[in-house]
Protein backbone atom coordinates (compact mmCIF):
# COMPACT_ATOMS: atom_id res chain seq x y z
CA MET A 1 6.51 -19.97 -11.79
CA LYS A 2 5.69 -21.01 -15.21
CA ALA A 3 4.68 -18.23 -17.51
CA GLU A 4 2.46 -19.33 -20.91
CA PRO A 5 1.71 -16.14 -22.67
CA GLU A 6 0.86 -17.76 -25.98
CA SER A 7 -0.94 -21.18 -24.76
CA PRO A 8 -4.16 -20.31 -22.38
CA THR A 9 -6.09 -22.96 -20.92
CA PRO A 10 -10.03 -23.18 -20.27
CA SER A 11 -10.49 -20.88 -17.71
CA ALA A 12 -14.24 -19.24 -16.19
CA ARG A 13 -16.21 -16.68 -18.42
CA LEU A 14 -16.48 -13.36 -17.45
CA SER A 15 -19.74 -11.44 -16.96
CA GLY A 16 -19.82 -7.85 -17.85
CA TRP A 17 -20.82 -5.03 -19.56
CA PRO A 18 -19.27 -5.39 -23.11
CA ILE A 19 -17.28 -2.17 -24.26
CA THR A 20 -15.89 -1.74 -27.39
CA LEU A 21 -11.80 0.02 -27.53
CA SER A 22 -9.95 1.29 -30.49
CA GLU A 23 -6.18 1.23 -29.97
CA TYR A 24 -3.21 2.87 -30.80
CA SER A 25 0.29 2.87 -31.13
CA ALA A 26 2.22 4.06 -27.73
CA GLU A 27 4.92 4.40 -26.67
CA SER A 28 5.27 1.07 -23.46
CA VAL A 29 7.76 0.74 -20.67
CA THR A 30 8.17 -2.65 -20.15
CA ASN A 31 8.00 -5.14 -16.20
CA ARG A 32 11.41 -6.32 -16.33
CA GLN A 33 10.37 -9.75 -15.38
CA PHE A 34 8.70 -9.76 -19.01
CA ARG A 35 11.04 -7.96 -21.38
CA GLU A 36 12.00 -12.26 -23.05
CA PHE A 37 8.52 -11.90 -23.99
CA ASP A 38 7.60 -10.49 -27.51
CA LEU A 39 4.85 -8.41 -26.16
CA SER A 40 5.49 -5.40 -28.93
CA ARG A 41 1.63 -6.22 -29.48
CA LEU A 42 0.89 -4.35 -26.00
CA ASP A 43 2.37 -0.90 -27.42
CA ARG A 44 -1.65 -0.56 -27.89
CA CYS A 45 -3.57 1.95 -25.55
CA TYR A 46 -6.86 1.99 -25.85
CA LEU A 47 -9.74 4.38 -25.84
CA PRO A 48 -13.93 4.98 -26.15
CA ALA A 49 -15.04 5.64 -28.67
CA ALA A 50 -16.00 9.39 -27.08
CA MET A 51 -12.22 9.87 -27.47
CA GLN A 52 -11.20 9.16 -30.50
CA ALA A 53 -12.77 12.71 -31.80
CA LEU A 54 -9.33 14.23 -30.05
CA CYS A 55 -6.85 12.12 -32.19
CA ASP A 56 -5.99 12.59 -34.73
CA GLU A 57 -5.16 9.30 -35.72
CA ALA A 58 -7.04 7.00 -36.74
CA PRO A 59 -7.62 3.51 -34.79
CA LEU A 60 -5.49 0.13 -36.24
CA SER A 61 -8.51 -1.88 -34.39
CA SER A 62 -11.15 -2.26 -32.40
CA LEU A 63 -11.61 -4.82 -29.90
CA PRO A 64 -14.37 -5.87 -27.86
CA PHE A 65 -13.39 -5.65 -24.28
CA LEU A 66 -16.30 -5.97 -20.38
CA GLU A 67 -16.65 -3.19 -18.23
CA ASP A 68 -13.75 -3.49 -14.82
CA ASP A 69 -14.07 -1.30 -12.60
CA ASN A 70 -15.18 2.28 -12.75
CA ARG A 71 -12.33 3.57 -15.38
CA GLY A 72 -10.72 0.10 -16.13
CA ALA A 73 -11.85 -3.36 -18.69
CA VAL A 74 -10.74 -6.23 -19.39
CA SER A 75 -9.85 -9.00 -21.78
CA PRO A 76 -13.24 -11.53 -22.41
CA GLU A 77 -10.58 -14.15 -22.94
CA PRO A 78 -7.21 -15.11 -21.42
CA VAL A 79 -4.55 -14.29 -23.64
CA ALA A 80 -1.41 -15.88 -20.41
CA VAL A 81 -1.16 -18.41 -17.99
CA LEU A 82 1.11 -17.57 -15.16
CA ASP A 83 1.64 -21.09 -13.03
CA GLY A 84 -1.55 -22.70 -14.12
CA GLN A 85 -4.26 -20.07 -13.44
CA PRO A 86 -5.18 -18.39 -16.76
CA PHE A 87 -5.15 -14.68 -16.75
CA TYR A 88 -7.05 -11.64 -19.05
CA LEU A 89 -5.66 -8.48 -20.32
CA SER A 90 -6.49 -5.61 -18.13
CA VAL A 91 -6.30 -1.79 -19.28
CA LYS A 92 -6.81 0.87 -15.87
CA GLY A 93 -7.35 4.63 -17.63
CA ILE A 94 -9.79 3.79 -20.46
CA GLY A 95 -12.47 7.39 -18.41
CA SER A 96 -15.38 7.43 -16.62
CA THR A 97 -19.10 7.88 -17.03
CA VAL A 98 -19.93 9.63 -14.97
CA GLU A 99 -19.13 13.52 -14.02
CA PRO A 100 -17.18 13.97 -10.57
CA PHE A 101 -18.59 16.40 -8.70
CA SER A 102 -22.44 14.93 -9.46
CA ASP A 103 -24.10 11.86 -10.99
CA ARG A 104 -24.44 13.81 -13.80
CA PRO A 105 -23.78 11.82 -17.00
CA LEU A 106 -19.14 12.42 -17.74
CA ASP A 107 -20.35 12.58 -22.37
CA ARG A 108 -18.68 15.34 -24.82
CA ARG A 109 -20.95 18.01 -24.47
CA LEU A 110 -20.20 17.71 -20.26
CA ALA A 111 -16.34 17.66 -21.74
CA ALA A 112 -17.09 21.21 -23.95
CA GLU A 113 -18.26 22.90 -21.76
CA ILE A 114 -15.19 23.39 -19.20
CA THR A 115 -12.26 23.09 -21.56
CA GLY A 116 -10.98 26.16 -22.35
CA ASP A 117 -9.30 25.02 -26.36
CA PRO A 118 -12.07 25.96 -28.91
CA ASP A 119 -10.51 23.05 -30.69
CA VAL A 120 -11.19 20.67 -28.40
CA ARG A 121 -14.30 22.06 -27.81
CA ARG A 122 -14.82 21.11 -31.91
CA ARG A 123 -13.47 18.54 -32.15
CA LEU A 124 -16.16 16.76 -29.04
CA LEU A 125 -18.99 18.36 -30.10
CA GLU A 126 -18.67 17.77 -33.95
CA GLY A 127 -17.30 14.42 -33.43
CA PRO A 128 -19.29 11.41 -34.31
CA GLU A 129 -22.49 10.80 -32.33
CA THR A 130 -21.74 7.06 -30.32
CA ASP A 131 -24.26 4.23 -28.28
CA GLY A 132 -22.46 5.64 -24.49
CA ASP A 133 -19.43 8.31 -23.75
CA ARG A 134 -16.65 7.63 -21.78
CA LEU A 135 -14.11 10.12 -21.65
CA ILE A 136 -10.50 10.90 -19.58
CA THR A 137 -9.85 14.19 -17.65
CA GLY A 138 -7.45 16.34 -17.24
CA GLU A 139 -8.90 16.61 -13.37
CA LEU A 140 -6.48 15.95 -11.30
CA TRP A 141 -7.98 13.66 -9.27
CA LEU A 142 -6.08 11.31 -6.21
CA ARG A 143 -3.59 13.50 -6.42
CA GLY A 144 -1.42 10.81 -8.22
CA SER A 145 -4.21 10.18 -11.77
CA PRO A 146 -6.28 12.50 -13.58
CA TYR A 147 -9.85 11.75 -13.99
CA GLY A 148 -11.12 8.67 -16.11
CA GLY A 149 -7.63 7.85 -16.27
CA GLN A 150 -3.89 6.75 -14.96
CA GLY A 151 -1.20 9.24 -14.78
CA TRP A 152 2.47 7.56 -13.93
CA GLU A 153 3.04 8.44 -10.52
CA HIS A 154 1.05 5.93 -9.69
CA ALA A 155 1.44 3.18 -12.42
CA SER A 156 5.17 3.50 -12.17
CA THR A 157 4.86 2.93 -8.35
CA ALA A 158 2.22 -0.63 -9.97
CA LEU A 159 5.14 -0.89 -12.10
CA ARG A 160 7.88 -1.34 -9.06
CA VAL A 161 5.66 -3.89 -6.83
CA SER A 162 4.80 -5.84 -10.37
CA GLU A 163 8.67 -5.76 -10.85
CA SER A 164 9.15 -6.69 -7.20
CA ALA A 165 7.52 -10.13 -7.07
CA ASP A 166 8.34 -13.53 -8.22
CA LEU A 167 6.13 -12.69 -11.96
CA THR A 168 2.51 -12.85 -9.39
CA SER A 169 3.84 -13.55 -5.62
CA ILE A 170 6.04 -12.21 -3.38
CA ARG A 171 6.24 -15.11 -1.13
CA GLY A 172 2.66 -15.62 -0.98
CA PHE A 173 0.74 -12.03 -1.60
CA LEU A 174 -0.59 -12.92 -4.58
CA ILE A 175 -0.54 -9.69 -7.12
CA ALA A 176 -1.91 -9.01 -10.98
CA PRO A 177 0.98 -8.37 -12.44
CA VAL A 178 1.64 -4.92 -14.18
CA VAL A 179 3.44 -5.83 -17.58
CA LYS A 180 3.39 -2.55 -19.30
CA VAL A 181 3.14 1.06 -18.68
CA VAL A 182 1.96 3.02 -21.92
CA PHE A 183 2.29 6.93 -22.95
CA LEU A 184 -1.61 8.62 -23.97
CA PRO A 185 0.13 10.57 -27.62
CA ALA A 186 1.38 13.70 -26.09
CA ARG A 187 -0.92 15.53 -28.41
CA LEU A 188 -3.69 14.15 -26.70
CA GLU A 189 -2.52 13.97 -23.33
CA GLU A 190 -1.97 18.23 -24.53
CA ARG A 191 -6.45 18.24 -25.22
CA ILE A 192 -7.50 16.03 -22.54
CA LYS A 193 -6.14 18.45 -19.61
CA SER A 194 -7.99 20.89 -21.13
CA ILE A 195 -10.96 18.98 -19.92
CA HIS A 196 -11.02 19.87 -16.17
CA TRP A 197 -12.69 21.59 -13.08
CA TYR A 198 -10.62 22.72 -11.18
CA ARG A 199 -6.72 21.69 -10.78
CA ARG A 200 -4.94 19.93 -13.93
CA TYR A 201 -3.23 17.40 -14.03
CA PRO A 202 0.60 17.80 -14.57
CA GLY A 203 2.09 14.40 -15.30
CA ARG A 204 2.41 11.80 -17.64
CA ILE A 205 -0.92 10.51 -18.75
CA VAL A 206 -1.00 7.12 -19.19
CA GLN A 207 -2.53 2.47 -19.69
CA GLU A 208 -1.22 0.43 -16.62
CA ILE A 209 -1.64 -3.00 -18.61
CA ARG A 210 -2.04 -6.06 -16.75
CA LEU A 211 -2.82 -9.15 -15.77
CA VAL A 212 -5.35 -10.30 -14.66
CA PRO A 213 -7.04 -13.57 -13.06
CA SER A 214 -10.53 -12.16 -12.93
CA ASN A 215 -12.99 -9.09 -12.53
CA VAL A 216 -14.75 -10.78 -9.55
CA ARG A 217 -13.84 -8.02 -6.79
CA VAL A 218 -14.87 -8.87 -2.99
CA TYR A 219 -17.09 -6.08 -2.63
CA LEU A 220 -17.13 -2.88 -4.36
CA HIS A 221 -16.53 -2.32 -7.39
CA ALA A 222 -17.47 -4.42 -9.86
CA GLN A 223 -21.04 -5.63 -11.66
CA SER A 224 -20.15 -9.56 -9.77
CA THR A 225 -18.94 -9.78 -6.63
CA ILE A 226 -18.71 -12.02 -3.77
CA GLY A 227 -20.94 -10.01 -1.57
CA HIS A 228 -23.50 -9.31 -3.64
CA ASN A 229 -24.44 -12.43 -6.35
CA ILE A 230 -21.91 -15.19 -4.07
CA ARG A 231 -24.74 -17.84 -5.88
CA ASP A 232 -23.34 -16.46 -9.14
CA VAL A 233 -19.57 -16.67 -8.87
CA PHE A 234 -19.94 -20.05 -7.42
CA ASP A 235 -21.86 -20.92 -11.13
CA ARG A 236 -19.33 -19.61 -12.30
CA PHE A 237 -16.26 -20.72 -11.56
CA GLY A 238 -17.72 -24.59 -11.30
CA LEU A 239 -17.93 -24.70 -7.61
CA ASP A 240 -20.13 -27.68 -7.92
CA SER A 241 -18.63 -30.48 -5.82
CA PRO A 242 -17.60 -30.27 -1.76
CA GLY A 243 -14.38 -30.85 -2.69
CA LYS A 244 -14.18 -28.45 -4.67
CA VAL A 245 -16.00 -25.37 -2.48
CA HIS A 246 -13.26 -27.05 0.72
CA ARG A 247 -9.69 -26.58 -2.32
CA PHE A 248 -11.46 -22.92 -3.44
CA GLU A 249 -12.29 -21.27 0.62
CA THR A 250 -7.86 -23.01 1.34
CA ASN A 251 -6.65 -20.79 -1.86
CA PHE A 252 -8.64 -17.88 -0.75
CA LEU A 253 -7.62 -18.04 3.15
CA ARG A 254 -3.84 -18.39 2.45
CA SER A 255 -3.39 -15.93 0.14
CA ALA A 256 -5.63 -13.60 1.61
CA VAL A 257 -4.16 -13.81 5.15
CA ALA A 258 -0.72 -13.26 2.65
CA MET A 259 -2.51 -9.57 1.92
CA LEU A 260 -2.66 -9.58 6.42
CA THR A 261 1.01 -9.50 6.53
CA VAL A 262 2.59 -8.21 3.83
CA PHE A 263 4.99 -6.30 5.95
CA ALA A 264 6.55 -9.06 7.37
CA ARG A 265 6.81 -10.75 4.17
CA SER A 266 9.04 -7.95 2.69
CA ILE A 267 11.30 -7.21 5.09
CA ARG A 268 14.67 -5.72 5.72
CA TYR A 269 16.74 -4.44 7.24
CA ASP A 270 17.91 -0.12 5.96
CA PRO A 271 21.66 0.16 7.54
CA ALA A 272 22.18 3.53 6.33
CA LYS A 273 18.70 5.04 9.01
CA ARG A 274 18.89 1.59 11.22
CA ARG A 275 14.93 1.24 10.64
CA TYR A 276 12.69 -1.99 9.07
CA ALA A 277 11.32 -0.91 5.54
CA GLY A 278 8.49 -3.62 4.40
CA LEU A 279 5.01 -2.76 2.05
CA ASP A 280 1.68 -1.07 2.94
CA PHE A 281 -1.34 -0.49 1.77
CA TYR A 282 -2.22 4.14 1.23
CA ASP A 283 -5.93 3.91 0.13
CA VAL A 284 -6.40 0.64 -1.29
CA TRP A 285 -8.66 -2.29 0.47
CA LEU A 286 -9.42 -5.84 0.01
CA ASP A 287 -12.26 -5.44 -0.19
CA LYS A 288 -12.35 -2.96 -3.38
CA ASP A 289 -8.99 -3.50 -4.93
CA ALA A 290 -7.91 -6.89 -5.23
CA VAL A 291 -9.86 -9.86 -7.38
CA LEU A 292 -11.03 -13.77 -7.33
CA ALA A 293 -8.89 -16.41 -9.37
CA SER A 294 -11.00 -19.08 -9.93
CA ASN A 295 -8.50 -21.52 -7.90
CA GLY A 296 -10.01 -18.92 -4.54
CA SER A 297 -7.01 -17.29 -4.27
CA VAL A 298 -7.95 -13.68 -4.33
CA TYR A 299 -4.95 -11.50 -5.97
CA PHE A 300 -4.28 -7.71 -5.19
CA VAL A 301 -5.02 -6.52 -8.67
CA ASP A 302 -4.17 -2.26 -7.54
CA LEU A 303 -0.61 -2.10 -7.14
CA GLU A 304 -0.41 2.18 -6.75
CA GLY A 305 -1.31 2.18 -2.91
CA VAL A 306 0.98 -0.56 -2.23
CA GLU A 307 3.75 1.31 -0.67
CA VAL A 308 7.57 0.91 1.35
CA VAL A 309 7.72 1.88 3.89
CA SER A 310 10.17 2.37 7.29
CA VAL A 311 10.17 1.92 11.13
CA ASP A 312 11.98 1.69 13.75
CA PRO A 313 12.87 -1.73 15.32
CA GLU A 314 10.54 -0.97 18.66
CA GLY A 315 7.75 0.06 15.82
CA VAL A 316 7.20 -2.91 13.82
CA PRO A 317 5.27 -5.32 15.71
CA GLU A 318 2.61 -2.47 15.75
CA LYS A 319 3.34 -2.23 12.22
CA LEU A 320 2.77 -6.06 12.30
CA GLU A 321 -0.50 -6.01 14.78
CA ASP A 322 -1.96 -2.82 12.29
CA GLN A 323 -1.68 -4.52 9.08
CA VAL A 324 -3.73 -7.65 10.14
CA PHE A 325 -6.01 -5.53 11.95
CA ARG A 326 -7.37 -2.68 8.99
CA SER A 327 -7.75 -5.94 6.66
CA MET A 328 -9.03 -8.91 8.70
CA TYR A 329 -13.28 -8.14 8.41
CA GLU A 330 -12.58 -8.04 4.80
CA LEU A 331 -11.32 -11.49 5.10
CA ALA A 332 -14.13 -12.74 7.33
CA TYR A 333 -16.68 -11.11 5.95
CA ALA A 334 -15.57 -12.92 2.38
CA TYR A 335 -15.21 -16.41 4.36
CA GLU A 336 -18.24 -15.82 6.14
CA GLN A 337 -20.37 -15.44 2.62
CA ILE A 338 -18.47 -18.16 0.43
CA GLU A 339 -18.70 -20.86 3.89
CA ARG A 340 -23.00 -20.01 3.29
CA GLU A 341 -22.95 -21.31 0.17
CA ARG A 342 -20.65 -24.09 0.81
CA ALA A 343 -23.48 -25.01 3.54
CA ARG A 344 -26.51 -23.88 1.77
CA ARG A 345 -25.90 -26.23 -1.46
CA PHE A 346 -23.73 -29.03 -0.25
CA GLY A 347 -24.72 -29.24 3.92
CA ASP A 348 -23.34 -27.98 7.17
CA ALA A 349 -20.06 -28.47 8.27
CA GLY A 350 -20.46 -28.24 11.87
CA SER A 351 -19.33 -25.91 14.06
CA ARG A 352 -18.80 -22.20 12.37
CA LYS A 353 -15.87 -21.84 14.92
CA GLN A 354 -14.61 -25.39 14.03
CA GLN A 355 -14.27 -25.25 10.15
CA PHE A 356 -12.92 -22.35 9.79
CA ALA A 357 -10.09 -23.39 12.41
CA ARG A 358 -9.64 -26.40 9.90
CA LEU A 359 -9.58 -25.03 7.07
CA MET A 360 -7.06 -22.25 7.88
CA GLU A 361 -4.47 -24.34 9.50
CA GLU A 362 -4.62 -26.38 6.13
CA ALA A 363 -4.30 -23.32 4.01
CA LEU A 364 -1.22 -21.84 6.19
CA ARG A 365 0.64 -25.17 7.05
CA ASP A 366 3.10 -24.82 5.21
CA ASP A 367 3.40 -20.48 4.34
CA PRO A 368 6.39 -18.72 5.24
CA VAL A 369 5.44 -16.29 8.05
CA VAL A 370 3.03 -17.94 10.03
CA ARG A 371 1.82 -20.15 12.22
CA LEU A 372 -0.96 -21.13 13.83
CA ARG A 373 -1.16 -22.56 17.68
CA ARG A 374 -4.82 -24.94 18.39
CA ASP A 375 -7.22 -24.86 21.87
CA GLY A 376 -9.85 -26.78 21.24
CA SER A 377 -12.46 -22.88 20.16
CA ARG A 378 -9.53 -20.64 20.17
CA LEU A 379 -7.19 -20.12 17.09
CA GLU A 380 -4.29 -18.18 17.49
CA MET A 381 -1.59 -16.80 14.93
CA GLU A 382 1.64 -15.25 15.33
CA ILE A 383 3.47 -14.12 12.25
CA HIS A 384 7.14 -13.96 12.66
CA ALA A 385 9.41 -11.31 10.70
CA ASN A 386 12.60 -12.42 9.99
CA SER A 387 15.08 -10.11 8.37
CA GLN A 388 18.90 -10.91 8.99
CA GLU A 389 19.63 -7.74 11.24
CA GLY A 390 16.23 -9.13 13.68
CA GLU A 391 13.31 -11.38 14.23
CA PHE A 392 10.10 -9.79 15.00
CA ARG A 393 6.92 -11.53 16.68
CA SER A 394 3.22 -10.25 16.81
CA THR A 395 0.45 -12.41 17.85
CA PHE A 396 -3.59 -12.18 16.95
CA ARG A 397 -6.43 -14.07 17.68
CA TRP A 398 -8.53 -15.60 15.00
CA VAL A 399 -11.25 -16.71 17.62
CA ASP A 400 -12.13 -16.73 21.19
CA ASP A 401 -13.67 -19.80 22.88
């Protein structure tokens, strides 16, 4: 694995609504795998214009970003190369634009209505006019985060997962690593927490500083997705020949199958509990919480829902099967969109079952966890979960006769 933060290579153009964020000095925790690099330049929190009214200090500078997901932003140009793949700077927790309990815009006037702090109300109403408001609030949201922002509880989970990887890979399960978690200044945090509808978020408000290969998602939470505008994805990633699309499809299947088998890839035995532990997903999904690289590989980006779970020995095969069934539809849906666009541009490849089986065989030929068995049109996948204390197998049918 190679990291070259100072030497990005040519990459795909990213699309998205432009947004300007102002940067302020902030305390941070750095992913231990990135501590060899001088990343002090990233000891910053990045705030939209509407939040400046709640800050005591003037911003250090303003930087251009593109909107990404409902509370994130991504840099328009790459900032690093990891293992030959360009990565962009991503900030999670920059504020939302829509009120959580209606479709009303989340602007400063609305925030002034619900805060109980007269100083915060005055700051919001007297702040300079901006083109559009985006706010972080103190409303407790999804247990571990404030609405529009990110909480330490979720961010620390994402950081732990990032530190357990080989920069971007856990035995083939690809992730967009959290490089830093930055803490919003205490006075700003206090003012934000006064803006809430029902329940005040009790923890530290932070931002995740991540590296992502793009802002193209599978289906949801993005302007550019495989599901909504696959033609634009082909054009943006330069998929202008059958050979390029072939490599793109095999990379997609290789990395997506790794997501469906992440427990097997991370399994370990806990002798104290006499149980087996491995990674699993909670409230995160392949269709909205992963992004696509220009080479077709799909990286899990919202790591807050990736956690270690433990099961009894007899429950391991069920866990292996459950992970496949949980996300197989998203994999198949995305593959169908890519394959249909390939066929539209470059011609039919024959039997869809045979084409899928051929691509899967090529994609998973050297996979450390998965073995394929093919009999005519029939294709089965055998998952091997091995630890020093035991070996488990589970079989899944991808294609029937």
